[in-house]
Structures are given as structure tokens and as C-alpha cells.
Full PDB file with SEQRES, HELIX, SHEET, SSBOND, CRYST1, ORIGX, SCALE, CONECT and MASTER records, all heavy atoms in Angstrom:
SEQRES   1 A   34  GLU ALA VAL ALA SER ILE TYR LEU TYR GLY GLY ARG THR          
SEQRES   2 A   34  PHE TYR SER ASN SER VAL ASN GLY ARG PHE THR ILE THR          
SEQRES   3 A   34  GLY ASN ASN ALA GLN LYS THR ALA                              
SHEET    1 AA1 2 ALA A   4  ILE A   6  0                                        
SHEET    2 AA1 2 THR A  13  TYR A  15 -1                                        
CRYST1    1.000    1.000    1.000  90.00  90.00  90.00 P 1           1          
ORIGX1      1.000000  0.000000  0.000000        0.00000                         
ORIGX2      0.000000  1.000000  0.000000        0.00000                         
ORIGX3      0.000000  0.000000  1.000000        0.00000                         
SCALE1      1.000000  0.000000  0.000000        0.00000                         
SCALE2      0.000000  1.000000  0.000000        0.00000                         
SCALE3      0.000000  0.000000  1.000000        0.00000                         
ATOM      1  N   GLU A   1     -10.144  15.120   0.829  1.00  0.00           N  
ATOM      2  CA  GLU A   1      -9.391  14.361   1.803  1.00  0.00           C  
ATOM      3  C   GLU A   1      -7.893  14.486   1.561  1.00  0.00           C  
ATOM      4  O   GLU A   1      -7.432  14.601   0.427  1.00  0.00           O  
ATOM      5  CB  GLU A   1      -9.796  12.881   1.773  1.00  0.00           C  
ATOM      6  CG  GLU A   1      -9.492  12.178   0.472  1.00  0.00           C  
ATOM      7  CD  GLU A   1      -9.769  10.688   0.522  1.00  0.00           C  
ATOM      8  OE1 GLU A   1     -10.087  10.171   1.602  1.00  0.00           O  
ATOM      9  OE2 GLU A   1      -9.672  10.041  -0.542  1.00  0.00           O  
ATOM     10  N   ALA A   2      -7.132  14.449   2.651  1.00  0.00           N  
ATOM     11  CA  ALA A   2      -5.681  14.507   2.571  1.00  0.00           C  
ATOM     12  C   ALA A   2      -5.133  13.231   1.958  1.00  0.00           C  
ATOM     13  O   ALA A   2      -5.646  12.130   2.197  1.00  0.00           O  
ATOM     14  CB  ALA A   2      -5.084  14.736   3.946  1.00  0.00           C  
ATOM     15  N   VAL A   3      -4.068  13.372   1.175  1.00  0.00           N  
ATOM     16  CA  VAL A   3      -3.412  12.243   0.516  1.00  0.00           C  
ATOM     17  C   VAL A   3      -2.018  12.031   1.079  1.00  0.00           C  
ATOM     18  O   VAL A   3      -1.688  10.945   1.559  1.00  0.00           O  
ATOM     19  CB  VAL A   3      -3.339  12.454  -1.005  1.00  0.00           C  
ATOM     20  CG1 VAL A   3      -2.580  11.307  -1.665  1.00  0.00           C  
ATOM     21  CG2 VAL A   3      -4.735  12.592  -1.593  1.00  0.00           C  
ATOM     22  N   ALA A   4      -1.178  13.060   1.004  1.00  0.00           N  
ATOM     23  CA  ALA A   4       0.201  12.964   1.456  1.00  0.00           C  
ATOM     24  C   ALA A   4       0.741  14.362   1.661  1.00  0.00           C  
ATOM     25  O   ALA A   4       0.250  15.323   1.061  1.00  0.00           O  
ATOM     26  CB  ALA A   4       1.069  12.199   0.449  1.00  0.00           C  
ATOM     27  N   SER A   5       1.768  14.489   2.489  1.00  0.00           N  
ATOM     28  CA  SER A   5       2.397  15.781   2.718  1.00  0.00           C  
ATOM     29  C   SER A   5       3.860  15.584   3.053  1.00  0.00           C  
ATOM     30  O   SER A   5       4.286  14.487   3.427  1.00  0.00           O  
ATOM     31  CB  SER A   5       1.685  16.565   3.829  1.00  0.00           C  
ATOM     32  OG  SER A   5       1.682  15.845   5.046  1.00  0.00           O  
ATOM     33  N   ILE A   6       4.626  16.670   2.924  1.00  0.00           N  
ATOM     34  CA  ILE A   6       6.059  16.605   3.145  1.00  0.00           C  
ATOM     35  C   ILE A   6       6.582  17.953   3.624  1.00  0.00           C  
ATOM     36  O   ILE A   6       6.118  19.004   3.181  1.00  0.00           O  
ATOM     37  CB  ILE A   6       6.803  16.169   1.855  1.00  0.00           C  
ATOM     38  CG1 ILE A   6       8.296  15.976   2.107  1.00  0.00           C  
ATOM     39  CG2 ILE A   6       6.568  17.182   0.726  1.00  0.00           C  
ATOM     40  CD1 ILE A   6       9.035  15.332   0.937  1.00  0.00           C  
ATOM     41  N   TYR A   7       7.552  17.917   4.549  1.00  0.00           N  
ATOM     42  CA  TYR A   7       8.310  19.113   4.889  1.00  0.00           C  
ATOM     43  C   TYR A   7       9.364  19.330   3.805  1.00  0.00           C  
ATOM     44  O   TYR A   7      10.213  18.461   3.575  1.00  0.00           O  
ATOM     45  CB  TYR A   7       8.998  18.957   6.242  1.00  0.00           C  
ATOM     46  CG  TYR A   7       8.104  19.168   7.438  1.00  0.00           C  
ATOM     47  CD1 TYR A   7       7.459  18.099   8.049  1.00  0.00           C  
ATOM     48  CD2 TYR A   7       7.927  20.444   7.963  1.00  0.00           C  
ATOM     49  CE1 TYR A   7       6.644  18.307   9.145  1.00  0.00           C  
ATOM     50  CE2 TYR A   7       7.116  20.649   9.062  1.00  0.00           C  
ATOM     51  CZ  TYR A   7       6.479  19.578   9.646  1.00  0.00           C  
ATOM     52  OH  TYR A   7       5.675  19.779  10.745  1.00  0.00           O  
ATOM     53  N   LEU A   8       9.311  20.476   3.121  1.00  0.00           N  
ATOM     54  CA  LEU A   8      10.267  20.735   2.056  1.00  0.00           C  
ATOM     55  C   LEU A   8      11.695  20.813   2.582  1.00  0.00           C  
ATOM     56  O   LEU A   8      12.633  20.459   1.872  1.00  0.00           O  
ATOM     57  CB  LEU A   8       9.916  22.024   1.322  1.00  0.00           C  
ATOM     58  CG  LEU A   8       8.687  21.952   0.415  1.00  0.00           C  
ATOM     59  CD1 LEU A   8       8.467  23.277  -0.292  1.00  0.00           C  
ATOM     60  CD2 LEU A   8       8.821  20.826  -0.605  1.00  0.00           C  
ATOM     61  N   TYR A   9      11.876  21.278   3.819  1.00  0.00           N  
ATOM     62  CA  TYR A   9      13.165  21.222   4.494  1.00  0.00           C  
ATOM     63  C   TYR A   9      13.149  20.017   5.429  1.00  0.00           C  
ATOM     64  O   TYR A   9      12.362  19.960   6.369  1.00  0.00           O  
ATOM     65  CB  TYR A   9      13.445  22.493   5.298  1.00  0.00           C  
ATOM     66  CG  TYR A   9      13.696  23.718   4.461  1.00  0.00           C  
ATOM     67  CD1 TYR A   9      12.647  24.480   3.974  1.00  0.00           C  
ATOM     68  CD2 TYR A   9      14.997  24.121   4.170  1.00  0.00           C  
ATOM     69  CE1 TYR A   9      12.880  25.612   3.211  1.00  0.00           C  
ATOM     70  CE2 TYR A   9      15.238  25.254   3.407  1.00  0.00           C  
ATOM     71  CZ  TYR A   9      14.173  25.995   2.932  1.00  0.00           C  
ATOM     72  OH  TYR A   9      14.410  27.123   2.172  1.00  0.00           O  
ATOM     73  N   GLY A  10      14.013  19.053   5.155  1.00  0.00           N  
ATOM     74  CA  GLY A  10      14.118  17.875   5.989  1.00  0.00           C  
ATOM     75  C   GLY A  10      13.489  16.633   5.405  1.00  0.00           C  
ATOM     76  O   GLY A  10      13.979  15.518   5.646  1.00  0.00           O  
ATOM     77  N   GLY A  11      12.406  16.791   4.664  1.00  0.00           N  
ATOM     78  CA  GLY A  11      11.839  15.689   3.913  1.00  0.00           C  
ATOM     79  C   GLY A  11      10.957  14.718   4.676  1.00  0.00           C  
ATOM     80  O   GLY A  11      10.629  13.646   4.147  1.00  0.00           O  
ATOM     81  N   ARG A  12      10.559  15.049   5.891  1.00  0.00           N  
ATOM     82  CA  ARG A  12       9.658  14.162   6.619  1.00  0.00           C  
ATOM     83  C   ARG A  12       8.324  14.076   5.891  1.00  0.00           C  
ATOM     84  O   ARG A  12       7.779  15.093   5.456  1.00  0.00           O  
ATOM     85  CB  ARG A  12       9.455  14.664   8.044  1.00  0.00           C  
ATOM     86  CG  ARG A  12       8.572  13.781   8.904  1.00  0.00           C  
ATOM     87  CD  ARG A  12       8.632  14.208  10.359  1.00  0.00           C  
ATOM     88  NE  ARG A  12       7.675  13.503  11.179  1.00  0.00           N  
ATOM     89  CZ  ARG A  12       7.855  12.289  11.672  1.00  0.00           C  
ATOM     90  NH1 ARG A  12       8.996  11.636  11.417  1.00  0.00           N  
ATOM     91  NH2 ARG A  12       6.929  11.722  12.418  1.00  0.00           N  
ATOM     92  N   THR A  13       7.788  12.856   5.757  1.00  0.00           N  
ATOM     93  CA  THR A  13       6.602  12.611   4.946  1.00  0.00           C  
ATOM     94  C   THR A  13       5.471  12.004   5.754  1.00  0.00           C  
ATOM     95  O   THR A  13       5.684  11.372   6.790  1.00  0.00           O  
ATOM     96  CB  THR A  13       6.919  11.681   3.765  1.00  0.00           C  
ATOM     97  OG1 THR A  13       7.439  10.442   4.267  1.00  0.00           O  
ATOM     98  CG2 THR A  13       7.942  12.312   2.840  1.00  0.00           C  
ATOM     99  N   PHE A  14       4.265  12.174   5.231  1.00  0.00           N  
ATOM    100  CA  PHE A  14       3.049  11.659   5.852  1.00  0.00           C  
ATOM    101  C   PHE A  14       2.121  11.174   4.753  1.00  0.00           C  
ATOM    102  O   PHE A  14       2.025  11.784   3.694  1.00  0.00           O  
ATOM    103  CB  PHE A  14       2.354  12.751   6.676  1.00  0.00           C  
ATOM    104  CG  PHE A  14       3.250  13.430   7.668  1.00  0.00           C  
ATOM    105  CD1 PHE A  14       4.015  14.523   7.290  1.00  0.00           C  
ATOM    106  CD2 PHE A  14       3.342  12.982   8.972  1.00  0.00           C  
ATOM    107  CE1 PHE A  14       4.854  15.153   8.190  1.00  0.00           C  
ATOM    108  CE2 PHE A  14       4.176  13.599   9.886  1.00  0.00           C  
ATOM    109  CZ  PHE A  14       4.933  14.684   9.497  1.00  0.00           C  
ATOM    110  N   TYR A  15       1.417  10.055   5.014  1.00  0.00           N  
ATOM    111  CA  TYR A  15       0.525   9.466   4.032  1.00  0.00           C  
ATOM    112  C   TYR A  15      -0.787   9.063   4.675  1.00  0.00           C  
ATOM    113  O   TYR A  15      -0.830   8.638   5.829  1.00  0.00           O  
ATOM    114  CB  TYR A  15       1.145   8.216   3.396  1.00  0.00           C  
ATOM    115  CG  TYR A  15       2.422   8.470   2.641  1.00  0.00           C  
ATOM    116  CD1 TYR A  15       3.656   8.314   3.263  1.00  0.00           C  
ATOM    117  CD2 TYR A  15       2.394   8.855   1.308  1.00  0.00           C  
ATOM    118  CE1 TYR A  15       4.831   8.546   2.572  1.00  0.00           C  
ATOM    119  CE2 TYR A  15       3.568   9.085   0.613  1.00  0.00           C  
ATOM    120  CZ  TYR A  15       4.785   8.929   1.252  1.00  0.00           C  
ATOM    121  OH  TYR A  15       5.945   9.158   0.558  1.00  0.00           O  
ATOM    122  N   SER A  16      -1.858   9.164   3.906  1.00  0.00           N  
ATOM    123  CA  SER A  16      -3.125   8.628   4.360  1.00  0.00           C  
ATOM    124  C   SER A  16      -3.083   7.108   4.268  1.00  0.00           C  
ATOM    125  O   SER A  16      -2.318   6.527   3.490  1.00  0.00           O  
ATOM    126  CB  SER A  16      -4.276   9.177   3.519  1.00  0.00           C  
ATOM    127  OG  SER A  16      -4.207   8.680   2.190  1.00  0.00           O  
ATOM    128  N   ASN A  17      -3.927   6.453   5.051  1.00  0.00           N  
ATOM    129  CA  ASN A  17      -3.955   4.997   5.043  1.00  0.00           C  
ATOM    130  C   ASN A  17      -4.327   4.439   3.666  1.00  0.00           C  
ATOM    131  O   ASN A  17      -3.838   3.377   3.265  1.00  0.00           O  
ATOM    132  CB  ASN A  17      -4.939   4.480   6.084  1.00  0.00           C  
ATOM    133  CG  ASN A  17      -4.455   4.698   7.504  1.00  0.00           C  
ATOM    134  OD1 ASN A  17      -3.259   4.806   7.754  1.00  0.00           O  
ATOM    135  ND2 ASN A  17      -5.388   4.748   8.445  1.00  0.00           N  
ATOM    136  N   SER A  18      -5.165   5.143   2.924  1.00  0.00           N  
ATOM    137  CA  SER A  18      -5.650   4.633   1.653  1.00  0.00           C  
ATOM    138  C   SER A  18      -4.585   4.592   0.565  1.00  0.00           C  
ATOM    139  O   SER A  18      -4.731   3.837  -0.397  1.00  0.00           O  
ATOM    140  CB  SER A  18      -6.848   5.450   1.172  1.00  0.00           C  
ATOM    141  OG  SER A  18      -6.485   6.805   0.967  1.00  0.00           O  
ATOM    142  N   VAL A  19      -3.520   5.385   0.688  1.00  0.00           N  
ATOM    143  CA  VAL A  19      -2.485   5.427  -0.340  1.00  0.00           C  
ATOM    144  C   VAL A  19      -1.142   4.933   0.158  1.00  0.00           C  
ATOM    145  O   VAL A  19      -0.217   4.756  -0.654  1.00  0.00           O  
ATOM    146  CB  VAL A  19      -2.323   6.842  -0.934  1.00  0.00           C  
ATOM    147  CG1 VAL A  19      -3.659   7.393  -1.398  1.00  0.00           C  
ATOM    148  CG2 VAL A  19      -1.658   7.786   0.065  1.00  0.00           C  
ATOM    149  N   ASN A  20      -1.011   4.703   1.440  1.00  0.00           N  
ATOM    150  CA  ASN A  20       0.256   4.270   2.010  1.00  0.00           C  
ATOM    151  C   ASN A  20       0.741   2.985   1.337  1.00  0.00           C  
ATOM    152  O   ASN A  20      -0.010   2.024   1.202  1.00  0.00           O  
ATOM    153  CB  ASN A  20       0.117   4.049   3.513  1.00  0.00           C  
ATOM    154  CG  ASN A  20       1.449   3.810   4.192  1.00  0.00           C  
ATOM    155  OD1 ASN A  20       2.417   4.509   3.939  1.00  0.00           O  
ATOM    156  ND2 ASN A  20       1.491   2.814   5.077  1.00  0.00           N  
ATOM    157  N   GLY A  21       1.997   2.995   0.893  1.00  0.00           N  
ATOM    158  CA  GLY A  21       2.571   1.855   0.204  1.00  0.00           C  
ATOM    159  C   GLY A  21       2.440   1.914  -1.298  1.00  0.00           C  
ATOM    160  O   GLY A  21       3.119   1.159  -2.000  1.00  0.00           O  
ATOM    161  N   ARG A  22       1.573   2.784  -1.806  1.00  0.00           N  
ATOM    162  CA  ARG A  22       1.377   2.927  -3.250  1.00  0.00           C  
ATOM    163  C   ARG A  22       1.853   4.275  -3.779  1.00  0.00           C  
ATOM    164  O   ARG A  22       2.291   4.366  -4.919  1.00  0.00           O  
ATOM    165  CB  ARG A  22      -0.091   2.739  -3.613  1.00  0.00           C  
ATOM    166  CG  ARG A  22      -0.647   1.371  -3.252  1.00  0.00           C  
ATOM    167  CD  ARG A  22      -2.059   1.173  -3.786  1.00  0.00           C  
ATOM    168  NE  ARG A  22      -2.997   2.125  -3.188  1.00  0.00           N  
ATOM    169  CZ  ARG A  22      -3.681   3.034  -3.884  1.00  0.00           C  
ATOM    170  NH1 ARG A  22      -3.535   3.117  -5.204  1.00  0.00           N  
ATOM    171  NH2 ARG A  22      -4.519   3.857  -3.265  1.00  0.00           N  
ATOM    172  N   PHE A  23       1.737   5.316  -2.968  1.00  0.00           N  
ATOM    173  CA  PHE A  23       2.147   6.668  -3.361  1.00  0.00           C  
ATOM    174  C   PHE A  23       3.423   7.048  -2.631  1.00  0.00           C  
ATOM    175  O   PHE A  23       3.648   6.634  -1.488  1.00  0.00           O  
ATOM    176  CB  PHE A  23       1.068   7.693  -3.016  1.00  0.00           C  
ATOM    177  CG  PHE A  23      -0.206   7.592  -3.816  1.00  0.00           C  
ATOM    178  CD1 PHE A  23      -0.458   6.524  -4.658  1.00  0.00           C  
ATOM    179  CD2 PHE A  23      -1.162   8.591  -3.713  1.00  0.00           C  
ATOM    180  CE1 PHE A  23      -1.635   6.435  -5.379  1.00  0.00           C  
ATOM    181  CE2 PHE A  23      -2.338   8.518  -4.429  1.00  0.00           C  
ATOM    182  CZ  PHE A  23      -2.576   7.442  -5.263  1.00  0.00           C  
ATOM    183  N   THR A  24       4.251   7.865  -3.274  1.00  0.00           N  
ATOM    184  CA  THR A  24       5.467   8.375  -2.671  1.00  0.00           C  
ATOM    185  C   THR A  24       5.568   9.869  -2.932  1.00  0.00           C  
ATOM    186  O   THR A  24       5.511  10.306  -4.083  1.00  0.00           O  
ATOM    187  CB  THR A  24       6.715   7.676  -3.235  1.00  0.00           C  
ATOM    188  OG1 THR A  24       6.612   6.264  -3.044  1.00  0.00           O  
ATOM    189  CG2 THR A  24       7.970   8.179  -2.527  1.00  0.00           C  
ATOM    190  N   ILE A  25       5.728  10.646  -1.868  1.00  0.00           N  
ATOM    191  CA  ILE A  25       5.901  12.080  -2.013  1.00  0.00           C  
ATOM    192  C   ILE A  25       7.357  12.430  -1.732  1.00  0.00           C  
ATOM    193  O   ILE A  25       7.954  11.930  -0.774  1.00  0.00           O  
ATOM    194  CB  ILE A  25       4.935  12.876  -1.108  1.00  0.00           C  
ATOM    195  CG1 ILE A  25       5.012  14.376  -1.418  1.00  0.00           C  
ATOM    196  CG2 ILE A  25       5.180  12.598   0.364  1.00  0.00           C  
ATOM    197  CD1 ILE A  25       3.912  15.199  -0.762  1.00  0.00           C  
ATOM    198  N   THR A  26       7.945  13.261  -2.584  1.00  0.00           N  
ATOM    199  CA  THR A  26       9.306  13.739  -2.421  1.00  0.00           C  
ATOM    200  C   THR A  26       9.312  15.246  -2.592  1.00  0.00           C  
ATOM    201  O   THR A  26       8.362  15.829  -3.107  1.00  0.00           O  
ATOM    202  CB  THR A  26      10.268  13.092  -3.429  1.00  0.00           C  
ATOM    203  OG1 THR A  26       9.805  13.331  -4.759  1.00  0.00           O  
ATOM    204  CG2 THR A  26      10.367  11.591  -3.196  1.00  0.00           C  
ATOM    205  N   GLY A  27      10.393  15.883  -2.161  1.00  0.00           N  
ATOM    206  CA  GLY A  27      10.467  17.328  -2.263  1.00  0.00           C  
ATOM    207  C   GLY A  27      11.885  17.829  -2.374  1.00  0.00           C  
ATOM    208  O   GLY A  27      12.839  17.121  -2.056  1.00  0.00           O  
ATOM    209  N   ASN A  28      12.012  19.056  -2.828  1.00  0.00           N  
ATOM    210  CA  ASN A  28      13.295  19.724  -2.950  1.00  0.00           C  
ATOM    211  C   ASN A  28      13.082  21.189  -2.577  1.00  0.00           C  
ATOM    212  O   ASN A  28      12.392  21.923  -3.280  1.00  0.00           O  
ATOM    213  CB  ASN A  28      13.848  19.597  -4.364  1.00  0.00           C  
ATOM    214  CG  ASN A  28      15.224  20.202  -4.511  1.00  0.00           C  
ATOM    215  OD1 ASN A  28      15.391  21.418  -4.443  1.00  0.00           O  
ATOM    216  ND2 ASN A  28      16.223  19.351  -4.717  1.00  0.00           N  
ATOM    217  N   ASN A  29      13.691  21.619  -1.463  1.00  0.00           N  
ATOM    218  CA  ASN A  29      13.457  22.972  -0.988  1.00  0.00           C  
ATOM    219  C   ASN A  29      14.076  24.028  -1.901  1.00  0.00           C  
ATOM    220  O   ASN A  29      13.526  25.119  -2.049  1.00  0.00           O  
ATOM    221  CB  ASN A  29      13.972  23.142   0.450  1.00  0.00           C  
ATOM    222  CG  ASN A  29      15.456  22.859   0.587  1.00  0.00           C  
ATOM    223  OD1 ASN A  29      15.873  21.710   0.719  1.00  0.00           O  
ATOM    224  ND2 ASN A  29      16.261  23.907   0.567  1.00  0.00           N  
ATOM    225  N   ALA A  30      15.225  23.712  -2.508  1.00  0.00           N  
ATOM    226  CA  ALA A  30      15.863  24.667  -3.405  1.00  0.00           C  
ATOM    227  C   ALA A  30      14.978  24.952  -4.616  1.00  0.00           C  
ATOM    228  O   ALA A  30      14.947  26.077  -5.119  1.00  0.00           O  
ATOM    229  CB  ALA A  30      17.228  24.157  -3.842  1.00  0.00           C  
ATOM    230  N   GLN A  31      14.276  23.935  -5.096  1.00  0.00           N  
ATOM    231  CA  GLN A  31      13.373  24.093  -6.225  1.00  0.00           C  
ATOM    232  C   GLN A  31      11.968  24.494  -5.795  1.00  0.00           C  
ATOM    233  O   GLN A  31      11.123  24.760  -6.658  1.00  0.00           O  
ATOM    234  CB  GLN A  31      13.308  22.791  -7.029  1.00  0.00           C  
ATOM    235  CG  GLN A  31      14.623  22.366  -7.642  1.00  0.00           C  
ATOM    236  CD  GLN A  31      14.513  21.050  -8.389  1.00  0.00           C  
ATOM    237  OE1 GLN A  31      15.073  20.041  -8.001  1.00  0.00           O  
ATOM    238  NE2 GLN A  31      13.759  21.062  -9.481  1.00  0.00           N  
ATOM    239  N   LYS A  32      11.715  24.499  -4.493  1.00  0.00           N  
ATOM    240  CA  LYS A  32      10.386  24.794  -3.951  1.00  0.00           C  
ATOM    241  C   LYS A  32       9.342  23.889  -4.585  1.00  0.00           C  
ATOM    242  O   LYS A  32       8.232  24.323  -4.913  1.00  0.00           O  
ATOM    243  CB  LYS A  32      10.020  26.267  -4.176  1.00  0.00           C  
ATOM    244  CG  LYS A  32      11.001  27.263  -3.580  1.00  0.00           C  
ATOM    245  CD  LYS A  32      10.559  28.695  -3.852  1.00  0.00           C  
ATOM    246  CE  LYS A  32      11.577  29.701  -3.356  1.00  0.00           C  
ATOM    247  NZ  LYS A  32      11.139  31.104  -3.647  1.00  0.00           N  
ATOM    248  N   THR A  33       9.675  22.624  -4.741  1.00  0.00           N  
ATOM    249  CA  THR A  33       8.862  21.692  -5.507  1.00  0.00           C  
ATOM    250  C   THR A  33       8.684  20.382  -4.760  1.00  0.00           C  
ATOM    251  O   THR A  33       9.605  19.900  -4.095  1.00  0.00           O  
ATOM    252  CB  THR A  33       9.499  21.410  -6.874  1.00  0.00           C  
ATOM    253  OG1 THR A  33       9.586  22.627  -7.628  1.00  0.00           O  
ATOM    254  CG2 THR A  33       8.685  20.405  -7.669  1.00  0.00           C  
ATOM    255  N   ALA A  34       7.502  19.808  -4.882  1.00  0.00           N  
ATOM    256  CA  ALA A  34       7.232  18.455  -4.424  1.00  0.00           C  
ATOM    257  C   ALA A  34       6.648  17.651  -5.563  1.00  0.00           C  
ATOM    258  O   ALA A  34       6.016  18.202  -6.474  1.00  0.00           O  
ATOM    259  CB  ALA A  34       6.288  18.448  -3.231  1.00  0.00           C  
TER     260      ALA A  34                                                      
MASTER        0    0    0    0    2    0    0    6  259    1    0    3          
END                                                                             
């Protein structure tokens, strides 16, 4: 099942209902890392 996702450019994020409010996804396009 999906948990969370992010656009590495721009930083728009998405969360599943089960983790929303508890998990945080971040990213950095220069580092190609989330």
C-alpha cells in the first residue's frame, strides 16, 4: 500500500489516510533524495 509521495521539484506532498498527521515526507532535488 502507498504511504506518502513527493515531487522532488516543487515539494508537493501526498499522504495516505492511515499516516496523515503522523508521517512527514520531504525532498531535495539537488540531492535526489527524499
